[in-house]
Amino acid sequence: MSITLTDQDKLTLRTAAYGAVTLMAAAGGSPHRSATDGTIALSSATGLIGHVLAEKSKGMNLKSKSVAGLADHVLPALTATMSMLEKQAPAEADNFRSIVMMAIETAARPRKGEPSPAMAEMARKITGAIDAAR
């Protein structure tokens, strides 16, 4: 089955994936390390999702004055992406969920100990947004 995504679908998908990593970085720990590690994890995506994430991201806006503002933008994008993929290509929906979950786990990985409570809570919110479409 071949799937064709519109430019808007691709933008929403990239906003959702990179936004999830950005939210994890904003939630605590070492923001630069979290963002770098999470982004590297996203670059390991394969299939349609990997191709979309590898494209240049024109129009993606992950700037906000607060984490709440960023979450207001990213969490609905996660749900919308999953909903769109579930309808058009269920296997790609599973692929998207897997890569985003791996990226947020990677972003939350501390050098020592466990992720901070704030990072764990942000991961829970991201997972909830992804699973809301199922």
C-alpha atoms as a PDB file:
ATOM      1  CA  MET A   1       0.000   0.000   0.000  1.00  0.00           C
ATOM      2  CA  SER A   2       1.386   3.344  -1.045  1.00  0.00           C
ATOM      3  CA  ILE A   3       0.696   6.381   1.086  1.00  0.00           C
ATOM      4  CA  THR A   4       0.976   9.959  -0.065  1.00  0.00           C
ATOM      5  CA  LEU A   5       1.254  12.626   2.590  1.00  0.00           C
ATOM      6  CA  THR A   6       0.419  16.245   1.926  1.00  0.00           C
ATOM      7  CA  ASP A   7       2.934  18.933   2.803  1.00  0.00           C
ATOM      8  CA  GLN A   8       0.739  19.790   5.798  1.00  0.00           C
ATOM      9  CA  ASP A   9       0.717  16.133   6.932  1.00  0.00           C
ATOM     10  CA  LYS A  10       4.517  16.070   6.745  1.00  0.00           C
ATOM     11  CA  LEU A  11       4.820  19.338   8.659  1.00  0.00           C
ATOM     12  CA  THR A  12       2.499  18.065  11.384  1.00  0.00           C
ATOM     13  CA  LEU A  13       4.443  14.793  11.606  1.00  0.00           C
ATOM     14  CA  ARG A  14       7.808  16.566  11.920  1.00  0.00           C
ATOM     15  CA  THR A  15       6.356  19.041  14.433  1.00  0.00           C
ATOM     16  CA  ALA A  16       5.029  16.139  16.496  1.00  0.00           C
ATOM     17  CA  ALA A  17       8.259  14.125  16.498  1.00  0.00           C
ATOM     18  CA  TYR A  18      10.758  16.946  16.970  1.00  0.00           C
ATOM     19  CA  GLY A  19       8.349  18.702  19.311  1.00  0.00           C
ATOM     20  CA  ALA A  20       8.213  15.634  21.570  1.00  0.00           C
ATOM     21  CA  VAL A  21      12.002  15.752  21.876  1.00  0.00           C
ATOM     22  CA  THR A  22      11.874  19.502  22.509  1.00  0.00           C
ATOM     23  CA  LEU A  23       9.317  18.988  25.282  1.00  0.00           C
ATOM     24  CA  MET A  24      11.561  16.393  26.913  1.00  0.00           C
ATOM     25  CA  ALA A  25      14.516  18.764  26.746  1.00  0.00           C
ATOM     26  CA  ALA A  26      12.416  21.535  28.283  1.00  0.00           C
ATOM     27  CA  ALA A  27      11.260  19.261  31.112  1.00  0.00           C
ATOM     28  CA  GLY A  28      14.610  19.145  32.821  1.00  0.00           C
ATOM     29  CA  GLY A  29      17.939  17.438  33.064  1.00  0.00           C
ATOM     30  CA  SER A  30      20.487  18.661  30.580  1.00  0.00           C
ATOM     31  CA  PRO A  31      18.378  20.305  27.853  1.00  0.00           C
ATOM     32  CA  HIS A  32      21.135  20.375  25.231  1.00  0.00           C
ATOM     33  CA  ARG A  33      22.072  16.734  25.779  1.00  0.00           C
ATOM     34  CA  SER A  34      18.415  15.640  25.849  1.00  0.00           C
ATOM     35  CA  ALA A  35      17.655  17.487  22.606  1.00  0.00           C
ATOM     36  CA  THR A  36      20.768  16.156  20.884  1.00  0.00           C
ATOM     37  CA  ASP A  37      20.251  12.551  21.975  1.00  0.00           C
ATOM     38  CA  GLY A  38      16.540  12.614  21.129  1.00  0.00           C
ATOM     39  CA  THR A  39      17.174  14.131  17.708  1.00  0.00           C
ATOM     40  CA  ILE A  40      19.834  11.542  16.936  1.00  0.00           C
ATOM     41  CA  ALA A  41      17.309   8.854  17.874  1.00  0.00           C
ATOM     42  CA  LEU A  42      14.773  10.352  15.438  1.00  0.00           C
ATOM     43  CA  SER A  43      17.384  10.202  12.679  1.00  0.00           C
ATOM     44  CA  SER A  44      17.400   6.403  12.990  1.00  0.00           C
ATOM     45  CA  ALA A  45      13.800   6.189  11.750  1.00  0.00           C
ATOM     46  CA  THR A  46      13.153   4.033   8.708  1.00  0.00           C
ATOM     47  CA  GLY A  47      10.352   3.678   6.208  1.00  0.00           C
ATOM     48  CA  LEU A  48       8.050   6.535   5.302  1.00  0.00           C
ATOM     49  CA  ILE A  49       8.506   8.130   8.735  1.00  0.00           C
ATOM     50  CA  GLY A  50      12.284   8.134   8.328  1.00  0.00           C
ATOM     51  CA  HIS A  51      12.020   9.787   4.926  1.00  0.00           C
ATOM     52  CA  VAL A  52       9.674  12.498   6.225  1.00  0.00           C
ATOM     53  CA  LEU A  53      11.829  13.205   9.284  1.00  0.00           C
ATOM     54  CA  ALA A  54      14.926  13.456   7.083  1.00  0.00           C
ATOM     55  CA  GLU A  55      13.397  16.157   4.859  1.00  0.00           C
ATOM     56  CA  LYS A  56      14.213  19.796   5.479  1.00  0.00           C
ATOM     57  CA  SER A  57      11.742  21.237   7.943  1.00  0.00           C
ATOM     58  CA  LYS A  58      10.357  24.381   6.389  1.00  0.00           C
ATOM     59  CA  GLY A  59       7.623  25.999   8.444  1.00  0.00           C
ATOM     60  CA  MET A  60       8.104  23.966  11.610  1.00  0.00           C
ATOM     61  CA  ASN A  61       7.798  26.274  14.625  1.00  0.00           C
ATOM     62  CA  LEU A  62       8.835  24.900  18.006  1.00  0.00           C
ATOM     63  CA  LYS A  63       9.418  28.245  19.672  1.00  0.00           C
ATOM     64  CA  SER A  64       7.286  29.258  22.605  1.00  0.00           C
ATOM     65  CA  LYS A  65       7.557  31.496  25.626  1.00  0.00           C
ATOM     66  CA  SER A  66       6.680  28.577  27.901  1.00  0.00           C
ATOM     67  CA  VAL A  67       6.654  24.800  28.056  1.00  0.00           C
ATOM     68  CA  ALA A  68       2.857  25.005  28.351  1.00  0.00           C
ATOM     69  CA  GLY A  69       2.668  26.928  25.065  1.00  0.00           C
ATOM     70  CA  LEU A  70       4.905  24.402  23.354  1.00  0.00           C
ATOM     71  CA  ALA A  71       2.829  21.522  24.733  1.00  0.00           C
ATOM     72  CA  ASP A  72      -0.354  23.201  23.446  1.00  0.00           C
ATOM     73  CA  HIS A  73       1.154  22.995  19.966  1.00  0.00           C
ATOM     74  CA  VAL A  74       2.990  19.644  20.084  1.00  0.00           C
ATOM     75  CA  LEU A  75       0.608  17.329  21.954  1.00  0.00           C
ATOM     76  CA  PRO A  76      -2.285  17.877  19.488  1.00  0.00           C
ATOM     77  CA  ALA A  77       0.191  17.383  16.613  1.00  0.00           C
ATOM     78  CA  LEU A  78       1.122  13.984  18.070  1.00  0.00           C
ATOM     79  CA  THR A  79      -2.534  12.944  18.259  1.00  0.00           C
ATOM     80  CA  ALA A  80      -3.300  14.299  14.771  1.00  0.00           C
ATOM     81  CA  THR A  81      -0.323  12.493  13.243  1.00  0.00           C
ATOM     82  CA  MET A  82      -1.278   9.189  14.829  1.00  0.00           C
ATOM     83  CA  SER A  83      -4.899   9.597  13.731  1.00  0.00           C
ATOM     84  CA  MET A  84      -3.894  10.389  10.153  1.00  0.00           C
ATOM     85  CA  LEU A  85      -1.442   7.473  10.000  1.00  0.00           C
ATOM     86  CA  GLU A  86      -3.918   5.026  11.593  1.00  0.00           C
ATOM     87  CA  LYS A  87      -6.381   5.837   8.801  1.00  0.00           C
ATOM     88  CA  GLN A  88      -3.902   5.826   5.903  1.00  0.00           C
ATOM     89  CA  ALA A  89      -1.166   3.349   6.888  1.00  0.00           C
ATOM     90  CA  PRO A  90      -1.481   1.509  10.214  1.00  0.00           C
ATOM     91  CA  ALA A  91       2.019   0.013   9.920  1.00  0.00           C
ATOM     92  CA  GLU A  92       3.458   3.521   9.619  1.00  0.00           C
ATOM     93  CA  ALA A  93       1.443   4.566  12.674  1.00  0.00           C
ATOM     94  CA  ASP A  94       3.204   1.815  14.626  1.00  0.00           C
ATOM     95  CA  ASN A  95       6.529   2.934  13.146  1.00  0.00           C
ATOM     96  CA  PHE A  96       5.866   6.551  14.168  1.00  0.00           C
ATOM     97  CA  ARG A  97       4.852   5.573  17.695  1.00  0.00           C
ATOM     98  CA  SER A  98       7.934   3.385  18.082  1.00  0.00           C
ATOM     99  CA  ILE A  99      10.391   6.025  16.905  1.00  0.00           C
ATOM    100  CA  VAL A 100       8.868   8.806  19.019  1.00  0.00           C
ATOM    101  CA  MET A 101       8.803   6.580  22.100  1.00  0.00           C
ATOM    102  CA  MET A 102      12.453   5.623  21.535  1.00  0.00           C
ATOM    103  CA  ALA A 103      13.388   9.280  21.061  1.00  0.00           C
ATOM    104  CA  ILE A 104      11.713  10.424  24.288  1.00  0.00           C
ATOM    105  CA  GLU A 105      13.262   7.531  26.212  1.00  0.00           C
ATOM    106  CA  THR A 106      16.638   8.493  24.790  1.00  0.00           C
ATOM    107  CA  ALA A 107      16.090  12.168  25.598  1.00  0.00           C
ATOM    108  CA  ALA A 108      15.112  11.268  29.170  1.00  0.00           C
ATOM    109  CA  ARG A 109      18.093   9.002  29.771  1.00  0.00           C
ATOM    110  CA  PRO A 110      20.217  10.538  32.504  1.00  0.00           C
ATOM    111  CA  ARG A 111      23.914   9.944  32.970  1.00  0.00           C
ATOM    112  CA  LYS A 112      23.212   8.563  36.427  1.00  0.00           C
ATOM    113  CA  GLY A 113      20.078   7.391  38.179  1.00  0.00           C
ATOM    114  CA  GLU A 114      16.593   7.734  36.771  1.00  0.00           C
ATOM    115  CA  PRO A 115      14.891  10.487  34.788  1.00  0.00           C
ATOM    116  CA  SER A 116      13.654  13.411  36.840  1.00  0.00           C
ATOM    117  CA  PRO A 117       9.997  13.403  37.901  1.00  0.00           C
ATOM    118  CA  ALA A 118       9.352  16.289  35.482  1.00  0.00           C
ATOM    119  CA  MET A 119      10.791  14.321  32.565  1.00  0.00           C
ATOM    120  CA  ALA A 120       8.834  11.211  33.546  1.00  0.00           C
ATOM    121  CA  GLU A 121       5.619  13.251  33.663  1.00  0.00           C
ATOM    122  CA  MET A 122       6.341  14.842  30.275  1.00  0.00           C
ATOM    123  CA  ALA A 123       6.961  11.379  28.802  1.00  0.00           C
ATOM    124  CA  ARG A 124       3.595  10.294  30.230  1.00  0.00           C
ATOM    125  CA  LYS A 125       1.853  13.278  28.578  1.00  0.00           C
ATOM    126  CA  ILE A 126       3.520  12.588  25.225  1.00  0.00           C
ATOM    127  CA  THR A 127       2.555   8.918  25.400  1.00  0.00           C
ATOM    128  CA  GLY A 128      -1.020   9.913  26.263  1.00  0.00           C
ATOM    129  CA  ALA A 129      -1.202  12.211  23.250  1.00  0.00           C
ATOM    130  CA  ILE A 130       0.116   9.483  20.944  1.00  0.00           C
ATOM    131  CA  ASP A 131      -2.271   6.880  22.317  1.00  0.00           C
ATOM    132  CA  ALA A 132      -5.302   9.205  22.252  1.00  0.00           C
ATOM    133  CA  ALA A 133      -5.719   8.440  18.559  1.00  0.00           C
ATOM    134  CA  ARG A 134      -5.967   4.681  19.102  1.00  0.00           C
END
